Amino acid sequence: MTDRDTFAAAALTGLLADQSLGDLGDTTLATRAYELASAMIEERVKWNRAPTLTDENRTAIEIVADWADDHLGKDDPGVVALRKLMERLHT
């Protein structure tokens, strides 16, 4: 079961609890539940964005990453992880 399915099931439960929506039909309710689930997933993505760094912090991280490249090597797992984190934080 995907997150979308789980969210849709929760949304459908709420929709079914509203007796005034009973006239809409099963297909319409199911469609609306998945629309709500998709909206929830989109909103979750917005809230899970990486924080934005100041230029000063970005420069400091770059200095550390360059030092790690020189002393540990670019293929070191810690250096690779640091570079991936830096890429994510550059958004």
PDB file of N, CA and C in Angstrom:
ATOM      1  N   MET A   1       0.856  -1.181   0.000  1.00  0.00           N
ATOM      2  CA  MET A   1       0.000   0.000   0.000  1.00  0.00           C
ATOM      3  C   MET A   1       0.896   1.237   0.000  1.00  0.00           C
ATOM      4  N   THR A   2       0.683   2.139  -0.929  1.00  0.00           N
ATOM      5  CA  THR A   2       1.487   3.357  -1.026  1.00  0.00           C
ATOM      6  C   THR A   2       0.981   4.418  -0.049  1.00  0.00           C
ATOM      7  N   ASP A   3       1.790   5.474   0.117  1.00  0.00           N
ATOM      8  CA  ASP A   3       1.334   6.606   0.936  1.00  0.00           C
ATOM      9  C   ASP A   3       0.057   7.199   0.357  1.00  0.00           C
ATOM     10  N   ARG A   4      -0.005   7.277  -0.974  1.00  0.00           N
ATOM     11  CA  ARG A   4      -1.208   7.841  -1.616  1.00  0.00           C
ATOM     12  C   ARG A   4      -2.435   7.005  -1.260  1.00  0.00           C
ATOM     13  N   ASP A   5      -2.289   5.670  -1.285  1.00  0.00           N
ATOM     14  CA  ASP A   5      -3.408   4.792  -0.920  1.00  0.00           C
ATOM     15  C   ASP A   5      -3.825   5.008   0.539  1.00  0.00           C
ATOM     16  N   THR A   6      -2.832   5.114   1.410  1.00  0.00           N
ATOM     17  CA  THR A   6      -3.124   5.314   2.835  1.00  0.00           C
ATOM     18  C   THR A   6      -3.843   6.643   3.056  1.00  0.00           C
ATOM     19  N   PHE A   7      -3.332   7.702   2.423  1.00  0.00           N
ATOM     20  CA  PHE A   7      -3.968   9.017   2.561  1.00  0.00           C
ATOM     21  C   PHE A   7      -5.373   9.007   1.958  1.00  0.00           C
ATOM     22  N   ALA A   8      -5.521   8.335   0.820  1.00  0.00           N
ATOM     23  CA  ALA A   8      -6.844   8.270   0.171  1.00  0.00           C
ATOM     24  C   ALA A   8      -7.830   7.521   1.054  1.00  0.00           C
ATOM     25  N   ALA A   9      -7.379   6.442   1.694  1.00  0.00           N
ATOM     26  CA  ALA A   9      -8.270   5.687   2.576  1.00  0.00           C
ATOM     27  C   ALA A   9      -8.736   6.553   3.740  1.00  0.00           C
ATOM     28  N   ALA A  10      -7.804   7.342   4.292  1.00  0.00           N
ATOM     29  CA  ALA A  10      -8.176   8.231   5.394  1.00  0.00           C
ATOM     30  C   ALA A  10      -9.150   9.307   4.908  1.00  0.00           C
ATOM     31  N   ALA A  11      -8.868   9.860   3.732  1.00  0.00           N
ATOM     32  CA  ALA A  11      -9.764  10.885   3.179  1.00  0.00           C
ATOM     33  C   ALA A  11     -11.140  10.299   2.881  1.00  0.00           C
ATOM     34  N   LEU A  12     -11.168   9.088   2.331  1.00  0.00           N
ATOM     35  CA  LEU A  12     -12.440   8.451   2.002  1.00  0.00           C
ATOM     36  C   LEU A  12     -13.260   8.195   3.260  1.00  0.00           C
ATOM     37  N   THR A  13     -12.599   7.829   4.333  1.00  0.00           N
ATOM     38  CA  THR A  13     -13.296   7.619   5.603  1.00  0.00           C
ATOM     39  C   THR A  13     -14.003   8.901   6.026  1.00  0.00           C
ATOM     40  N   GLY A  14     -13.287  10.023   5.917  1.00  0.00           N
ATOM     41  CA  GLY A  14     -13.902  11.303   6.260  1.00  0.00           C
ATOM     42  C   GLY A  14     -15.038  11.676   5.326  1.00  0.00           C
ATOM     43  N   LEU A  15     -14.834  11.419   4.034  1.00  0.00           N
ATOM     44  CA  LEU A  15     -15.887  11.733   3.065  1.00  0.00           C
ATOM     45  C   LEU A  15     -17.139  10.898   3.314  1.00  0.00           C
ATOM     46  N   LEU A  16     -16.955   9.624   3.627  1.00  0.00           N
ATOM     47  CA  LEU A  16     -18.102   8.745   3.877  1.00  0.00           C
ATOM     48  C   LEU A  16     -18.835   9.115   5.161  1.00  0.00           C
ATOM     49  N   ALA A  17     -18.114   9.707   6.105  1.00  0.00           N
ATOM     50  CA  ALA A  17     -18.741  10.113   7.367  1.00  0.00           C
ATOM     51  C   ALA A  17     -19.683  11.299   7.166  1.00  0.00           C
ATOM     52  N   ASP A  18     -19.467  12.044   6.099  1.00  0.00           N
ATOM     53  CA  ASP A  18     -20.322  13.199   5.802  1.00  0.00           C
ATOM     54  C   ASP A  18     -21.527  12.703   4.996  1.00  0.00           C
ATOM     55  N   GLN A  19     -22.637  12.500   5.650  1.00  0.00           N
ATOM     56  CA  GLN A  19     -23.814  11.929   5.008  1.00  0.00           C
ATOM     57  C   GLN A  19     -24.356  12.788   3.866  1.00  0.00           C
ATOM     58  N   SER A  20     -24.034  14.054   3.879  1.00  0.00           N
ATOM     59  CA  SER A  20     -24.525  14.925   2.806  1.00  0.00           C
ATOM     60  C   SER A  20     -23.821  14.630   1.473  1.00  0.00           C
ATOM     61  N   LEU A  21     -22.694  13.919   1.512  1.00  0.00           N
ATOM     62  CA  LEU A  21     -21.961  13.589   0.284  1.00  0.00           C
ATOM     63  C   LEU A  21     -22.370  12.235  -0.286  1.00  0.00           C
ATOM     64  N   GLY A  22     -23.257  11.535   0.387  1.00  0.00           N
ATOM     65  CA  GLY A  22     -23.663  10.203  -0.046  1.00  0.00           C
ATOM     66  C   GLY A  22     -24.283  10.161  -1.430  1.00  0.00           C
ATOM     67  N   ASP A  23     -24.803  11.260  -1.887  1.00  0.00           N
ATOM     68  CA  ASP A  23     -25.447  11.316  -3.210  1.00  0.00           C
ATOM     69  C   ASP A  23     -24.439  11.356  -4.351  1.00  0.00           C
ATOM     70  N   LEU A  24     -23.168  11.566  -4.053  1.00  0.00           N
ATOM     71  CA  LEU A  24     -22.171  11.749  -5.101  1.00  0.00           C
ATOM     72  C   LEU A  24     -21.822  10.459  -5.834  1.00  0.00           C
ATOM     73  N   GLY A  25     -22.006   9.332  -5.215  1.00  0.00           N
ATOM     74  CA  GLY A  25     -21.674   8.060  -5.855  1.00  0.00           C
ATOM     75  C   GLY A  25     -20.270   7.606  -5.502  1.00  0.00           C
ATOM     76  N   ASP A  26     -20.091   6.306  -5.567  1.00  0.00           N
ATOM     77  CA  ASP A  26     -18.826   5.701  -5.148  1.00  0.00           C
ATOM     78  C   ASP A  26     -17.634   6.184  -5.970  1.00  0.00           C
ATOM     79  N   THR A  27     -17.796   6.253  -7.274  1.00  0.00           N
ATOM     80  CA  THR A  27     -16.682   6.644  -8.137  1.00  0.00           C
ATOM     81  C   THR A  27     -16.251   8.075  -7.857  1.00  0.00           C
ATOM     82  N   THR A  28     -17.207   8.953  -7.687  1.00  0.00           N
ATOM     83  CA  THR A  28     -16.891  10.353  -7.407  1.00  0.00           C
ATOM     84  C   THR A  28     -16.200  10.485  -6.057  1.00  0.00           C
ATOM     85  N   LEU A  29     -16.665   9.760  -5.058  1.00  0.00           N
ATOM     86  CA  LEU A  29     -16.041   9.808  -3.737  1.00  0.00           C
ATOM     87  C   LEU A  29     -14.612   9.267  -3.790  1.00  0.00           C
ATOM     88  N   ALA A  30     -14.430   8.169  -4.500  1.00  0.00           N
ATOM     89  CA  ALA A  30     -13.089   7.586  -4.617  1.00  0.00           C
ATOM     90  C   ALA A  30     -12.141   8.549  -5.339  1.00  0.00           C
ATOM     91  N   THR A  31     -12.638   9.153  -6.397  1.00  0.00           N
ATOM     92  CA  THR A  31     -11.819  10.123  -7.136  1.00  0.00           C
ATOM     93  C   THR A  31     -11.428  11.288  -6.234  1.00  0.00           C
ATOM     94  N   ARG A  32     -12.394  11.797  -5.493  1.00  0.00           N
ATOM     95  CA  ARG A  32     -12.124  12.925  -4.579  1.00  0.00           C
ATOM     96  C   ARG A  32     -11.133  12.523  -3.503  1.00  0.00           C
ATOM     97  N   ALA A  33     -11.232  11.294  -3.001  1.00  0.00           N
ATOM     98  CA  ALA A  33     -10.301  10.817  -1.977  1.00  0.00           C
ATOM     99  C   ALA A  33      -8.864  10.823  -2.516  1.00  0.00           C
ATOM    100  N   TYR A  34      -8.676  10.358  -3.750  1.00  0.00           N
ATOM    101  CA  TYR A  34      -7.336  10.352  -4.335  1.00  0.00           C
ATOM    102  C   TYR A  34      -6.852  11.759  -4.677  1.00  0.00           C
ATOM    103  N   GLU A  35      -7.762  12.647  -5.040  1.00  0.00           N
ATOM    104  CA  GLU A  35      -7.367  14.039  -5.255  1.00  0.00           C
ATOM    105  C   GLU A  35      -6.853  14.654  -3.953  1.00  0.00           C
ATOM    106  N   LEU A  36      -7.549  14.369  -2.864  1.00  0.00           N
ATOM    107  CA  LEU A  36      -7.109  14.862  -1.554  1.00  0.00           C
ATOM    108  C   LEU A  36      -5.774  14.243  -1.162  1.00  0.00           C
ATOM    109  N   ALA A  37      -5.614  12.947  -1.431  1.00  0.00           N
ATOM    110  CA  ALA A  37      -4.358  12.268  -1.112  1.00  0.00           C
ATOM    111  C   ALA A  37      -3.197  12.890  -1.892  1.00  0.00           C
ATOM    112  N   SER A  38      -3.411  13.167  -3.166  1.00  0.00           N
ATOM    113  CA  SER A  38      -2.370  13.795  -3.978  1.00  0.00           C
ATOM    114  C   SER A  38      -2.019  15.177  -3.449  1.00  0.00           C
ATOM    115  N   ALA A  39      -3.020  15.921  -3.036  1.00  0.00           N
ATOM    116  CA  ALA A  39      -2.773  17.249  -2.462  1.00  0.00           C
ATOM    117  C   ALA A  39      -1.970  17.136  -1.169  1.00  0.00           C
ATOM    118  N   MET A  40      -2.255  16.120  -0.366  1.00  0.00           N
ATOM    119  CA  MET A  40      -1.510  15.910   0.879  1.00  0.00           C
ATOM    120  C   MET A  40      -0.045  15.600   0.579  1.00  0.00           C
ATOM    121  N   ILE A  41       0.193  14.788  -0.430  1.00  0.00           N
ATOM    122  CA  ILE A  41       1.570  14.434  -0.790  1.00  0.00           C
ATOM    123  C   ILE A  41       2.315  15.658  -1.314  1.00  0.00           C
ATOM    124  N   GLU A  42       1.672  16.457  -2.141  1.00  0.00           N
ATOM    125  CA  GLU A  42       2.298  17.683  -2.641  1.00  0.00           C
ATOM    126  C   GLU A  42       2.654  18.622  -1.494  1.00  0.00           C
ATOM    127  N   GLU A  43       1.756  18.740  -0.546  1.00  0.00           N
ATOM    128  CA  GLU A  43       2.002  19.621   0.596  1.00  0.00           C
ATOM    129  C   GLU A  43       3.147  19.080   1.458  1.00  0.00           C
ATOM    130  N   ARG A  44       3.204  17.770   1.622  1.00  0.00           N
ATOM    131  CA  ARG A  44       4.288  17.162   2.397  1.00  0.00           C
ATOM    132  C   ARG A  44       5.631  17.470   1.757  1.00  0.00           C
ATOM    133  N   VAL A  45       5.702  17.433   0.446  1.00  0.00           N
ATOM    134  CA  VAL A  45       6.948  17.747  -0.260  1.00  0.00           C
ATOM    135  C   VAL A  45       7.383  19.178   0.049  1.00  0.00           C
ATOM    136  N   LYS A  46       6.431  20.114   0.068  1.00  0.00           N
ATOM    137  CA  LYS A  46       6.755  21.507   0.380  1.00  0.00           C
ATOM    138  C   LYS A  46       7.353  21.628   1.779  1.00  0.00           C
ATOM    139  N   TRP A  47       6.777  20.927   2.739  1.00  0.00           N
ATOM    140  CA  TRP A  47       7.216  21.025   4.125  1.00  0.00           C
ATOM    141  C   TRP A  47       8.538  20.310   4.362  1.00  0.00           C
ATOM    142  N   ASN A  48       8.900  19.361   3.510  1.00  0.00           N
ATOM    143  CA  ASN A  48      10.136  18.592   3.690  1.00  0.00           C
ATOM    144  C   ASN A  48      11.304  19.151   2.889  1.00  0.00           C
ATOM    145  N   ARG A  49      11.165  20.343   2.343  1.00  0.00           N
ATOM    146  CA  ARG A  49      12.263  20.947   1.600  1.00  0.00           C
ATOM    147  C   ARG A  49      13.437  21.222   2.519  1.00  0.00           C
ATOM    148  N   ALA A  50      14.605  21.124   1.958  1.00  0.00           N
ATOM    149  CA  ALA A  50      15.819  21.402   2.732  1.00  0.00           C
ATOM    150  C   ALA A  50      15.865  22.891   3.096  1.00  0.00           C
ATOM    151  N   PRO A  51      16.461  23.205   4.235  1.00  0.00           N
ATOM    152  CA  PRO A  51      16.569  24.607   4.617  1.00  0.00           C
ATOM    153  C   PRO A  51      17.510  25.368   3.676  1.00  0.00           C
ATOM    154  N   THR A  52      17.303  26.647   3.567  1.00  0.00           N
ATOM    155  CA  THR A  52      18.167  27.490   2.758  1.00  0.00           C
ATOM    156  C   THR A  52      19.307  27.997   3.630  1.00  0.00           C
ATOM    157  N   LEU A  53      20.524  27.939   3.096  1.00  0.00           N
ATOM    158  CA  LEU A  53      21.691  28.390   3.846  1.00  0.00           C
ATOM    159  C   LEU A  53      22.047  29.822   3.502  1.00  0.00           C
ATOM    160  N   THR A  54      22.682  30.499   4.458  1.00  0.00           N
ATOM    161  CA  THR A  54      23.244  31.813   4.167  1.00  0.00           C
ATOM    162  C   THR A  54      24.507  31.605   3.336  1.00  0.00           C
ATOM    163  N   ASP A  55      24.949  32.648   2.659  1.00  0.00           N
ATOM    164  CA  ASP A  55      26.184  32.568   1.882  1.00  0.00           C
ATOM    165  C   ASP A  55      27.374  32.233   2.780  1.00  0.00           C
ATOM    166  N   GLU A  56      27.368  32.785   3.986  1.00  0.00           N
ATOM    167  CA  GLU A  56      28.458  32.527   4.939  1.00  0.00           C
ATOM    168  C   GLU A  56      28.507  31.042   5.322  1.00  0.00           C
ATOM    169  N   ASN A  57      27.356  30.467   5.617  1.00  0.00           N
ATOM    170  CA  ASN A  57      27.309  29.042   5.967  1.00  0.00           C
ATOM    171  C   ASN A  57      27.699  28.169   4.783  1.00  0.00           C
ATOM    172  N   ARG A  58      27.237  28.547   3.612  1.00  0.00           N
ATOM    173  CA  ARG A  58      27.555  27.790   2.402  1.00  0.00           C
ATOM    174  C   ARG A  58      29.070  27.783   2.156  1.00  0.00           C
ATOM    175  N   THR A  59      29.708  28.944   2.342  1.00  0.00           N
ATOM    176  CA  THR A  59      31.160  29.054   2.160  1.00  0.00           C
ATOM    177  C   THR A  59      31.894  28.185   3.176  1.00  0.00           C
ATOM    178  N   ALA A  60      31.449  28.208   4.420  1.00  0.00           N
ATOM    179  CA  ALA A  60      32.090  27.398   5.456  1.00  0.00           C
ATOM    180  C   ALA A  60      31.987  25.907   5.140  1.00  0.00           C
ATOM    181  N   ILE A  61      30.840  25.464   4.679  1.00  0.00           N
ATOM    182  CA  ILE A  61      30.664  24.055   4.324  1.00  0.00           C
ATOM    183  C   ILE A  61      31.543  23.698   3.132  1.00  0.00           C
ATOM    184  N   GLU A  62      31.654  24.597   2.184  1.00  0.00           N
ATOM    185  CA  GLU A  62      32.498  24.354   1.004  1.00  0.00           C
ATOM    186  C   GLU A  62      33.964  24.208   1.414  1.00  0.00           C
ATOM    187  N   ILE A  63      34.423  25.025   2.352  1.00  0.00           N
ATOM    188  CA  ILE A  63      35.801  24.929   2.844  1.00  0.00           C
ATOM    189  C   ILE A  63      36.044  23.570   3.487  1.00  0.00           C
ATOM    190  N   VAL A  64      35.101  23.124   4.309  1.00  0.00           N
ATOM    191  CA  VAL A  64      35.230  21.812   4.958  1.00  0.00           C
ATOM    192  C   VAL A  64      35.221  20.699   3.913  1.00  0.00           C
ATOM    193  N   ALA A  65      34.359  20.801   2.935  1.00  0.00           N
ATOM    194  CA  ALA A  65      34.277  19.776   1.895  1.00  0.00           C
ATOM    195  C   ALA A  65      35.564  19.726   1.077  1.00  0.00           C
ATOM    196  N   ASP A  66      36.128  20.882   0.754  1.00  0.00           N
ATOM    197  CA  ASP A  66      37.387  20.907   0.013  1.00  0.00           C
ATOM    198  C   ASP A  66      38.521  20.287   0.831  1.00  0.00           C
ATOM    199  N   TRP A  67      38.548  20.611   2.137  1.00  0.00           N
ATOM    200  CA  TRP A  67      39.559  20.011   3.010  1.00  0.00           C
ATOM    201  C   TRP A  67      39.400  18.489   3.024  1.00  0.00           C
ATOM    202  N   ALA A  68      38.160  18.020   3.142  1.00  0.00           N
ATOM    203  CA  ALA A  68      37.902  16.581   3.170  1.00  0.00           C
ATOM    204  C   ALA A  68      38.315  15.927   1.851  1.00  0.00           C
ATOM    205  N   ASP A  69      38.059  16.590   0.737  1.00  0.00           N
ATOM    206  CA  ASP A  69      38.497  16.065  -0.561  1.00  0.00           C
ATOM    207  C   ASP A  69      40.008  15.866  -0.570  1.00  0.00           C
ATOM    208  N   ASP A  70      40.738  16.873  -0.097  1.00  0.00           N
ATOM    209  CA  ASP A  70      42.201  16.843  -0.131  1.00  0.00           C
ATOM    210  C   ASP A  70      42.790  15.813   0.825  1.00  0.00           C
ATOM    211  N   HIS A  71      42.184  15.655   1.994  1.00  0.00           N
ATOM    212  CA  HIS A  71      42.771  14.803   3.029  1.00  0.00           C
ATOM    213  C   HIS A  71      42.201  13.390   3.069  1.00  0.00           C
ATOM    214  N   LEU A  72      40.982  13.217   2.648  1.00  0.00           N
ATOM    215  CA  LEU A  72      40.349  11.904   2.706  1.00  0.00           C
ATOM    216  C   LEU A  72      40.131  11.298   1.317  1.00  0.00           C
ATOM    217  N   GLY A  73      40.051  12.135   0.323  1.00  0.00           N
ATOM    218  CA  GLY A  73      39.806  11.679  -1.037  1.00  0.00           C
ATOM    219  C   GLY A  73      38.344  11.803  -1.402  1.00  0.00           C
ATOM    220  N   LYS A  74      38.115  12.090  -2.673  1.00  0.00           N
ATOM    221  CA  LYS A  74      36.743  12.325  -3.141  1.00  0.00           C
ATOM    222  C   LYS A  74      35.867  11.082  -3.071  1.00  0.00           C
ATOM    223  N   ASP A  75      36.478   9.889  -3.015  1.00  0.00           N
ATOM    224  CA  ASP A  75      35.697   8.652  -2.975  1.00  0.00           C
ATOM    225  C   ASP A  75      35.396   8.174  -1.558  1.00  0.00           C
ATOM    226  N   ASP A  76      35.909   8.874  -0.554  1.00  0.00           N
ATOM    227  CA  ASP A  76      35.624   8.509   0.837  1.00  0.00           C
ATOM    228  C   ASP A  76      34.120   8.624   1.079  1.00  0.00           C
ATOM    229  N   PRO A  77      33.518   7.604   1.719  1.00  0.00           N
ATOM    230  CA  PRO A  77      32.061   7.631   1.932  1.00  0.00           C
ATOM    231  C   PRO A  77      31.572   8.888   2.663  1.00  0.00           C
ATOM    232  N   GLY A  78      32.342   9.371   3.611  1.00  0.00           N
ATOM    233  CA  GLY A  78      31.948  10.580   4.327  1.00  0.00           C
ATOM    234  C   GLY A  78      31.965  11.806   3.432  1.00  0.00           C
ATOM    235  N   VAL A  79      32.962  11.876   2.559  1.00  0.00           N
ATOM    236  CA  VAL A  79      33.065  12.999   1.628  1.00  0.00           C
ATOM    237  C   VAL A  79      31.911  12.941   0.613  1.00  0.00           C
ATOM    238  N   VAL A  80      31.642  11.751   0.115  1.00  0.00           N
ATOM    239  CA  VAL A  80      30.533  11.578  -0.834  1.00  0.00           C
ATOM    240  C   VAL A  80      29.219  12.017  -0.184  1.00  0.00           C
ATOM    241  N   ALA A  81      29.001  11.595   1.065  1.00  0.00           N
ATOM    242  CA  ALA A  81      27.771  11.972   1.781  1.00  0.00           C
ATOM    243  C   ALA A  81      27.704  13.482   1.989  1.00  0.00           C
ATOM    244  N   LEU A  82      28.841  14.093   2.316  1.00  0.00           N
ATOM    245  CA  LEU A  82      28.882  15.542   2.525  1.00  0.00           C
ATOM    246  C   LEU A  82      28.544  16.281   1.238  1.00  0.00           C
ATOM    247  N   ARG A  83      29.086  15.830   0.124  1.00  0.00           N
ATOM    248  CA  ARG A  83      28.804  16.486  -1.156  1.00  0.00           C
ATOM    249  C   ARG A  83      27.324  16.340  -1.531  1.00  0.00           C
ATOM    250  N   LYS A  84      26.742  15.168  -1.274  1.00  0.00           N
ATOM    251  CA  LYS A  84      25.319  14.969  -1.568  1.00  0.00           C
ATOM    252  C   LYS A  84      24.463  15.892  -0.705  1.00  0.00           C
ATOM    253  N   LEU A  85      24.829  16.032   0.556  1.00  0.00           N
ATOM    254  CA  LEU A  85      24.103  16.927   1.450  1.00  0.00           C
ATOM    255  C   LEU A  85      24.221  18.372   0.959  1.00  0.00           C
ATOM    256  N   MET A  86      25.407  18.746   0.524  1.00  0.00           N
ATOM    257  CA  MET A  86      25.607  20.108   0.012  1.00  0.00           C
ATOM    258  C   MET A  86      24.735  20.357  -1.204  1.00  0.00           C
ATOM    259  N   GLU A  87      24.646  19.381  -2.104  1.00  0.00           N
ATOM    260  CA  GLU A  87      23.786  19.517  -3.289  1.00  0.00           C
ATOM    261  C   GLU A  87      22.338  19.747  -2.868  1.00  0.00           C
ATOM    262  N   ARG A  88      21.899  18.977  -1.874  1.00  0.00           N
ATOM    263  CA  ARG A  88      20.518  19.116  -1.406  1.00  0.00           C
ATOM    264  C   ARG A  88      20.279  20.478  -0.780  1.00  0.00           C
ATOM    265  N   LEU A  89      21.263  21.000  -0.060  1.00  0.00           N
ATOM    266  CA  LEU A  89      21.102  22.281   0.612  1.00  0.00           C
ATOM    267  C   LEU A  89      21.232  23.466  -0.331  1.00  0.00           C
ATOM    268  N   HIS A  90      21.704  23.250  -1.538  1.00  0.00           N
ATOM    269  CA  HIS A  90      21.851  24.346  -2.498  1.00  0.00           C
ATOM    270  C   HIS A  90      20.551  24.692  -3.178  1.00  0.00           C
ATOM    271  N   THR A  91      19.441  24.043  -2.810  1.00  0.00           N
ATOM    272  CA  THR A  91      18.162  24.329  -3.461  1.00  0.00           C
ATOM    273  C   THR A  91      17.611  25.660  -2.987  1.00  0.00           C
TER     274      THR A  91
END
